[in-house]
Amino acid sequence: MPSLFRRKSADLVEDAVSQVSPEESSSARPRGYTPSKKELGRETPKRPNAGRRPAADTKPLSKQEARERRRVLRAESAAEFRREGGPRDRAPERGLARDVVDSRRTVGTWFFGGALVVLIGSANTMPPAVRFGSNLLWGLLAIALVIDSVLISRRIKKLVRQRFPKTDQRMGSLYLYAIMRAITFRRMRAPTPRVKIGDSV
């Protein structure tokens, strides 16, 4: 029997490889072992392009295109402000104040038209009777505006206390907010009125 010490190391390696069967080698692998693509004899297919975002168009805009883009963005921003208002308009108490104003006819919408008539009628070239009538109209408009503002403020105060008893809004700020809206023409109000004249609030 030949001695093991006289055999070459290469012969020992070949004997070890030949004595281990494929089943034994697979069973000797650690638990959770995942065979590589080379061992499985197949290749992983390439991922389809479906669902991927297309590459961004990096083509720079011309001056005319950039100007048109800015114009469109400004128009969209103005339309959004007209529809929803700014950050200060989004409190529910302010929405209630807007509804109180928009549901009624206000003296304030006639105030600027009357002020223009008063300005023309108060000119020194006008007869004394016209100037007197202009001053009388100005006084009546001012008194009516004060009364209307008081009525609006009282209505807002009552509704806010009923619907928002824990509000952190200052009532004086709500009154001023409503009065400034009341003296603005209905078509120019922002946000756009969401109730019609005569609707209950």
C-alpha atoms as a PDB file:
ATOM      1  CA  MET A   1       0.000   0.000   0.000  1.00  0.00           C
ATOM      2  CA  PRO A   2       1.531   3.306  -1.035  1.00  0.00           C
ATOM      3  CA  SER A   3       2.275   5.816   1.681  1.00  0.00           C
ATOM      4  CA  LEU A   4       0.178   8.925   1.950  1.00  0.00           C
ATOM      5  CA  PHE A   5       3.242  11.029   2.654  1.00  0.00           C
ATOM      6  CA  ARG A   6       4.719  10.224  -0.725  1.00  0.00           C
ATOM      7  CA  ARG A   7       1.677  11.291  -2.701  1.00  0.00           C
ATOM      8  CA  LYS A   8       1.655  14.650  -4.270  1.00  0.00           C
ATOM      9  CA  SER A   9      -0.598  17.393  -2.948  1.00  0.00           C
ATOM     10  CA  ALA A  10      -2.365  17.625  -6.318  1.00  0.00           C
ATOM     11  CA  ASP A  11      -3.396  13.953  -6.030  1.00  0.00           C
ATOM     12  CA  LEU A  12      -4.868  14.595  -2.599  1.00  0.00           C
ATOM     13  CA  VAL A  13      -6.944  17.492  -3.943  1.00  0.00           C
ATOM     14  CA  GLU A  14      -8.290  15.348  -6.800  1.00  0.00           C
ATOM     15  CA  ASP A  15      -9.274  12.537  -4.396  1.00  0.00           C
ATOM     16  CA  ALA A  16     -11.118  14.993  -2.141  1.00  0.00           C
ATOM     17  CA  VAL A  17     -13.013  16.466  -5.065  1.00  0.00           C
ATOM     18  CA  SER A  18     -13.946  13.066  -6.520  1.00  0.00           C
ATOM     19  CA  GLN A  19     -15.157  11.715  -3.152  1.00  0.00           C
ATOM     20  CA  VAL A  20     -17.700  14.515  -2.669  1.00  0.00           C
ATOM     21  CA  SER A  21     -20.876  14.025  -4.698  1.00  0.00           C
ATOM     22  CA  PRO A  22     -23.015  16.939  -5.995  1.00  0.00           C
ATOM     23  CA  GLU A  23     -25.729  16.051  -3.472  1.00  0.00           C
ATOM     24  CA  GLU A  24     -23.226  16.143  -0.610  1.00  0.00           C
ATOM     25  CA  SER A  25     -21.809  19.463  -1.777  1.00  0.00           C
ATOM     26  CA  SER A  26     -25.262  20.987  -1.949  1.00  0.00           C
ATOM     27  CA  SER A  27     -26.142  19.648   1.488  1.00  0.00           C
ATOM     28  CA  ALA A  28     -22.917  21.037   2.893  1.00  0.00           C
ATOM     29  CA  ARG A  29     -23.872  24.600   1.901  1.00  0.00           C
ATOM     30  CA  PRO A  30     -24.911  26.871   4.711  1.00  0.00           C
ATOM     31  CA  ARG A  31     -28.565  27.409   5.430  1.00  0.00           C
ATOM     32  CA  GLY A  32     -30.144  30.234   3.452  1.00  0.00           C
ATOM     33  CA  TYR A  33     -27.600  29.969   0.664  1.00  0.00           C
ATOM     34  CA  THR A  34     -28.688  31.502  -2.629  1.00  0.00           C
ATOM     35  CA  PRO A  35     -27.047  30.114  -5.768  1.00  0.00           C
ATOM     36  CA  SER A  36     -25.508  32.597  -8.119  1.00  0.00           C
ATOM     37  CA  LYS A  37     -26.698  33.208 -11.677  1.00  0.00           C
ATOM     38  CA  LYS A  38     -23.642  31.330 -12.938  1.00  0.00           C
ATOM     39  CA  GLU A  39     -24.531  28.219 -10.900  1.00  0.00           C
ATOM     40  CA  LEU A  40     -28.131  28.280 -12.055  1.00  0.00           C
ATOM     41  CA  GLY A  41     -27.056  28.579 -15.664  1.00  0.00           C
ATOM     42  CA  ARG A  42     -29.403  31.438 -16.541  1.00  0.00           C
ATOM     43  CA  GLU A  43     -29.253  35.189 -16.749  1.00  0.00           C
ATOM     44  CA  THR A  44     -31.542  37.684 -15.116  1.00  0.00           C
ATOM     45  CA  PRO A  45     -33.617  39.474 -17.774  1.00  0.00           C
ATOM     46  CA  LYS A  46     -33.242  43.204 -18.058  1.00  0.00           C
ATOM     47  CA  ARG A  47     -35.849  45.322 -16.333  1.00  0.00           C
ATOM     48  CA  PRO A  48     -38.477  46.725 -18.661  1.00  0.00           C
ATOM     49  CA  ASN A  49     -38.656  50.457 -19.186  1.00  0.00           C
ATOM     50  CA  ALA A  50     -42.338  50.561 -18.268  1.00  0.00           C
ATOM     51  CA  GLY A  51     -42.997  52.648 -15.189  1.00  0.00           C
ATOM     52  CA  ARG A  52     -39.732  54.526 -15.361  1.00  0.00           C
ATOM     53  CA  ARG A  53     -39.740  58.281 -15.547  1.00  0.00           C
ATOM     54  CA  PRO A  54     -38.654  59.594 -18.887  1.00  0.00           C
ATOM     55  CA  ALA A  55     -35.489  61.566 -18.944  1.00  0.00           C
ATOM     56  CA  ALA A  56     -36.072  65.228 -18.207  1.00  0.00           C
ATOM     57  CA  ASP A  57     -35.950  67.552 -21.142  1.00  0.00           C
ATOM     58  CA  THR A  58     -32.959  69.734 -20.458  1.00  0.00           C
ATOM     59  CA  LYS A  59     -33.449  71.896 -23.507  1.00  0.00           C
ATOM     60  CA  PRO A  60     -33.201  75.530 -22.372  1.00  0.00           C
ATOM     61  CA  LEU A  61     -36.130  77.840 -23.037  1.00  0.00           C
ATOM     62  CA  SER A  62     -35.799  80.803 -25.327  1.00  0.00           C
ATOM     63  CA  LYS A  63     -36.482  84.307 -24.019  1.00  0.00           C
ATOM     64  CA  GLN A  64     -39.920  84.355 -25.592  1.00  0.00           C
ATOM     65  CA  GLU A  65     -40.800  80.930 -24.157  1.00  0.00           C
ATOM     66  CA  ALA A  66     -39.531  81.923 -20.698  1.00  0.00           C
ATOM     67  CA  ARG A  67     -41.569  85.135 -20.836  1.00  0.00           C
ATOM     68  CA  GLU A  68     -44.680  83.192 -21.828  1.00  0.00           C
ATOM     69  CA  ARG A  69     -44.030  80.676 -19.066  1.00  0.00           C
ATOM     70  CA  ARG A  70     -43.805  83.458 -16.467  1.00  0.00           C
ATOM     71  CA  ARG A  71     -47.027  84.988 -17.786  1.00  0.00           C
ATOM     72  CA  VAL A  72     -48.869  81.669 -17.473  1.00  0.00           C
ATOM     73  CA  LEU A  73     -47.553  81.151 -13.917  1.00  0.00           C
ATOM     74  CA  ARG A  74     -48.661  84.649 -12.904  1.00  0.00           C
ATOM     75  CA  ALA A  75     -52.112  84.052 -14.356  1.00  0.00           C
ATOM     76  CA  GLU A  76     -52.439  80.729 -12.525  1.00  0.00           C
ATOM     77  CA  SER A  77     -51.284  82.303  -9.261  1.00  0.00           C
ATOM     78  CA  ALA A  78     -53.760  85.180  -9.634  1.00  0.00           C
ATOM     79  CA  ALA A  79     -56.600  82.767 -10.405  1.00  0.00           C
ATOM     80  CA  GLU A  80     -55.741  80.656  -7.356  1.00  0.00           C
ATOM     81  CA  PHE A  81     -55.637  83.751  -5.126  1.00  0.00           C
ATOM     82  CA  ARG A  82     -58.937  84.915  -6.576  1.00  0.00           C
ATOM     83  CA  ARG A  83     -60.496  81.525  -5.873  1.00  0.00           C
ATOM     84  CA  GLU A  84     -58.969  80.598  -2.489  1.00  0.00           C
ATOM     85  CA  GLY A  85     -57.376  83.791  -1.188  1.00  0.00           C
ATOM     86  CA  GLY A  86     -54.121  84.066   0.706  1.00  0.00           C
ATOM     87  CA  PRO A  87     -52.989  82.424   3.959  1.00  0.00           C
ATOM     88  CA  ARG A  88     -54.870  84.970   6.090  1.00  0.00           C
ATOM     89  CA  ASP A  89     -58.163  84.117   4.343  1.00  0.00           C
ATOM     90  CA  ARG A  90     -58.126  80.393   5.172  1.00  0.00           C
ATOM     91  CA  ALA A  91     -59.191  80.544   8.816  1.00  0.00           C
ATOM     92  CA  PRO A  92     -62.774  79.243   9.215  1.00  0.00           C
ATOM     93  CA  GLU A  93     -63.738  82.339  11.216  1.00  0.00           C
ATOM     94  CA  ARG A  94     -62.716  84.546   8.306  1.00  0.00           C
ATOM     95  CA  GLY A  95     -64.705  82.377   5.931  1.00  0.00           C
ATOM     96  CA  LEU A  96     -67.735  82.948   8.143  1.00  0.00           C
ATOM     97  CA  ALA A  97     -67.108  86.716   8.141  1.00  0.00           C
ATOM     98  CA  ARG A  98     -66.930  86.673   4.329  1.00  0.00           C
ATOM     99  CA  ASP A  99     -70.216  84.792   4.129  1.00  0.00           C
ATOM    100  CA  VAL A 100     -71.913  87.334   6.401  1.00  0.00           C
ATOM    101  CA  VAL A 101     -70.806  90.174   4.137  1.00  0.00           C
ATOM    102  CA  ASP A 102     -71.512  88.361   0.857  1.00  0.00           C
ATOM    103  CA  SER A 103     -75.031  87.319   1.877  1.00  0.00           C
ATOM    104  CA  ARG A 104     -76.280  90.920   2.089  1.00  0.00           C
ATOM    105  CA  ARG A 105     -76.265  94.196   0.212  1.00  0.00           C
ATOM    106  CA  THR A 106     -73.845  96.580   1.880  1.00  0.00           C
ATOM    107  CA  VAL A 107     -73.716 100.363   1.897  1.00  0.00           C
ATOM    108  CA  GLY A 108     -69.977 100.160   1.329  1.00  0.00           C
ATOM    109  CA  THR A 109     -70.414  99.044  -2.279  1.00  0.00           C
ATOM    110  CA  TRP A 110     -72.060 102.425  -2.990  1.00  0.00           C
ATOM    111  CA  PHE A 111     -69.600 104.406  -0.921  1.00  0.00           C
ATOM    112  CA  PHE A 112     -66.943 105.011  -3.573  1.00  0.00           C
ATOM    113  CA  GLY A 113     -69.505 105.853  -6.253  1.00  0.00           C
ATOM    114  CA  GLY A 114     -71.118 108.355  -3.889  1.00  0.00           C
ATOM    115  CA  ALA A 115     -67.702 109.745  -2.970  1.00  0.00           C
ATOM    116  CA  LEU A 116     -67.018 110.420  -6.658  1.00  0.00           C
ATOM    117  CA  VAL A 117     -70.335 112.255  -6.996  1.00  0.00           C
ATOM    118  CA  VAL A 118     -69.559 114.271  -3.872  1.00  0.00           C
ATOM    119  CA  LEU A 119     -66.102 115.164  -5.195  1.00  0.00           C
ATOM    120  CA  ILE A 120     -67.532 116.476  -8.455  1.00  0.00           C
ATOM    121  CA  GLY A 121     -70.437 118.248  -6.795  1.00  0.00           C
ATOM    122  CA  SER A 122     -68.206 119.989  -4.243  1.00  0.00           C
ATOM    123  CA  ALA A 123     -66.191 121.850  -6.855  1.00  0.00           C
ATOM    124  CA  ASN A 124     -66.143 125.645  -6.502  1.00  0.00           C
ATOM    125  CA  THR A 125     -67.597 126.025  -9.975  1.00  0.00           C
ATOM    126  CA  MET A 126     -70.821 124.307  -8.929  1.00  0.00           C
ATOM    127  CA  PRO A 127     -73.848 126.267  -7.706  1.00  0.00           C
ATOM    128  CA  PRO A 128     -74.279 126.514  -3.933  1.00  0.00           C
ATOM    129  CA  ALA A 129     -77.312 124.232  -4.008  1.00  0.00           C
ATOM    130  CA  VAL A 130     -75.333 121.458  -5.725  1.00  0.00           C
ATOM    131  CA  ARG A 131     -72.494 121.800  -3.257  1.00  0.00           C
ATOM    132  CA  PHE A 132     -74.924 121.668  -0.349  1.00  0.00           C
ATOM    133  CA  GLY A 133     -76.544 118.548  -1.787  1.00  0.00           C
ATOM    134  CA  SER A 134     -73.130 116.930  -2.269  1.00  0.00           C
ATOM    135  CA  ASN A 135     -72.137 117.620   1.320  1.00  0.00           C
ATOM    136  CA  LEU A 136     -75.482 116.283   2.538  1.00  0.00           C
ATOM    137  CA  LEU A 137     -75.031 113.123   0.462  1.00  0.00           C
ATOM    138  CA  TRP A 138     -71.531 112.672   1.882  1.00  0.00           C
ATOM    139  CA  GLY A 139     -72.839 112.916   5.434  1.00  0.00           C
ATOM    140  CA  LEU A 140     -75.653 110.449   4.782  1.00  0.00           C
ATOM    141  CA  LEU A 141     -73.247 107.961   3.183  1.00  0.00           C
ATOM    142  CA  ALA A 142     -70.862 108.209   6.122  1.00  0.00           C
ATOM    143  CA  ILE A 143     -73.657 107.646   8.669  1.00  0.00           C
ATOM    144  CA  ALA A 144     -75.094 104.734   6.674  1.00  0.00           C
ATOM    145  CA  LEU A 145     -71.653 103.167   6.366  1.00  0.00           C
ATOM    146  CA  VAL A 146     -71.082 103.345  10.121  1.00  0.00           C
ATOM    147  CA  ILE A 147     -74.490 101.816  10.878  1.00  0.00           C
ATOM    148  CA  ASP A 148     -73.993  99.036   8.335  1.00  0.00           C
ATOM    149  CA  SER A 149     -70.534  98.264   9.707  1.00  0.00           C
ATOM    150  CA  VAL A 150     -71.912  98.016  13.253  1.00  0.00           C
ATOM    151  CA  LEU A 151     -74.647  95.631  12.122  1.00  0.00           C
ATOM    152  CA  ILE A 152     -72.150  93.433  10.256  1.00  0.00           C
ATOM    153  CA  SER A 153     -69.809  93.361  13.257  1.00  0.00           C
ATOM    154  CA  ARG A 154     -72.598  92.389  15.646  1.00  0.00           C
ATOM    155  CA  ARG A 155     -73.711  89.587  13.323  1.00  0.00           C
ATOM    156  CA  ILE A 156     -70.152  88.255  13.033  1.00  0.00           C
ATOM    157  CA  LYS A 157     -69.637  88.415  16.791  1.00  0.00           C
ATOM    158  CA  LYS A 158     -72.809  86.410  17.436  1.00  0.00           C
ATOM    159  CA  LEU A 159     -72.069  83.691  14.869  1.00  0.00           C
ATOM    160  CA  VAL A 160     -68.403  83.311  15.799  1.00  0.00           C
ATOM    161  CA  ARG A 161     -69.252  82.862  19.469  1.00  0.00           C
ATOM    162  CA  GLN A 162     -71.869  80.252  18.579  1.00  0.00           C
ATOM    163  CA  ARG A 163     -69.793  78.218  16.100  1.00  0.00           C
ATOM    164  CA  PHE A 164     -66.239  78.820  17.292  1.00  0.00           C
ATOM    165  CA  PRO A 165     -66.381  79.286  21.073  1.00  0.00           C
ATOM    166  CA  LYS A 166     -62.660  78.477  21.418  1.00  0.00           C
ATOM    167  CA  THR A 167     -61.453  80.685  18.589  1.00  0.00           C
ATOM    168  CA  ASP A 168     -58.076  82.398  18.836  1.00  0.00           C
ATOM    169  CA  GLN A 169     -58.996  85.075  16.288  1.00  0.00           C
ATOM    170  CA  ARG A 170     -59.197  88.656  17.536  1.00  0.00           C
ATOM    171  CA  MET A 171     -62.692  90.026  17.067  1.00  0.00           C
ATOM    172  CA  GLY A 172     -61.424  93.481  16.144  1.00  0.00           C
ATOM    173  CA  SER A 173     -59.382  91.954  13.331  1.00  0.00           C
ATOM    174  CA  LEU A 174     -62.440  90.061  12.081  1.00  0.00           C
ATOM    175  CA  TYR A 175     -64.552  93.232  12.141  1.00  0.00           C
ATOM    176  CA  LEU A 176     -61.989  95.175  10.122  1.00  0.00           C
ATOM    177  CA  TYR A 177     -61.613  92.259   7.706  1.00  0.00           C
ATOM    178  CA  ALA A 178     -65.372  92.171   7.102  1.00  0.00           C
ATOM    179  CA  ILE A 179     -65.742  95.958   6.774  1.00  0.00           C
ATOM    180  CA  MET A 180     -62.940  96.170   4.204  1.00  0.00           C
ATOM    181  CA  ARG A 181     -64.693  93.436   2.224  1.00  0.00           C
ATOM    182  CA  ALA A 182     -68.020  95.214   2.574  1.00  0.00           C
ATOM    183  CA  ILE A 183     -66.701  98.382   0.895  1.00  0.00           C
ATOM    184  CA  THR A 184     -65.272  96.379  -2.024  1.00  0.00           C
ATOM    185  CA  PHE A 185     -67.371  95.789  -5.122  1.00  0.00           C
ATOM    186  CA  ARG A 186     -68.740  92.254  -5.138  1.00  0.00           C
ATOM    187  CA  ARG A 187     -67.063  91.320  -8.418  1.00  0.00           C
ATOM    188  CA  MET A 188     -63.685  92.455  -7.096  1.00  0.00           C
ATOM    189  CA  ARG A 189     -63.795  90.530  -3.828  1.00  0.00           C
ATOM    190  CA  ALA A 190     -61.189  87.854  -3.214  1.00  0.00           C
ATOM    191  CA  PRO A 191     -61.750  85.050  -2.431  1.00  0.00           C
ATOM    192  CA  THR A 192     -64.774  84.841  -4.719  1.00  0.00           C
ATOM    193  CA  PRO A 193     -68.097  84.930  -2.803  1.00  0.00           C
ATOM    194  CA  ARG A 194     -69.438  81.437  -2.152  1.00  0.00           C
ATOM    195  CA  VAL A 195     -72.947  82.527  -1.097  1.00  0.00           C
ATOM    196  CA  LYS A 196     -75.551  84.561  -2.915  1.00  0.00           C
ATOM    197  CA  ILE A 197     -77.271  87.687  -1.669  1.00  0.00           C
ATOM    198  CA  GLY A 198     -80.137  86.631   0.574  1.00  0.00           C
ATOM    199  CA  ASP A 199     -78.713  83.211   1.498  1.00  0.00           C
ATOM    200  CA  SER A 200     -78.792  82.268   5.157  1.00  0.00           C
ATOM    201  CA  VAL A 201     -75.423  81.946   6.896  1.00  0.00           C
END
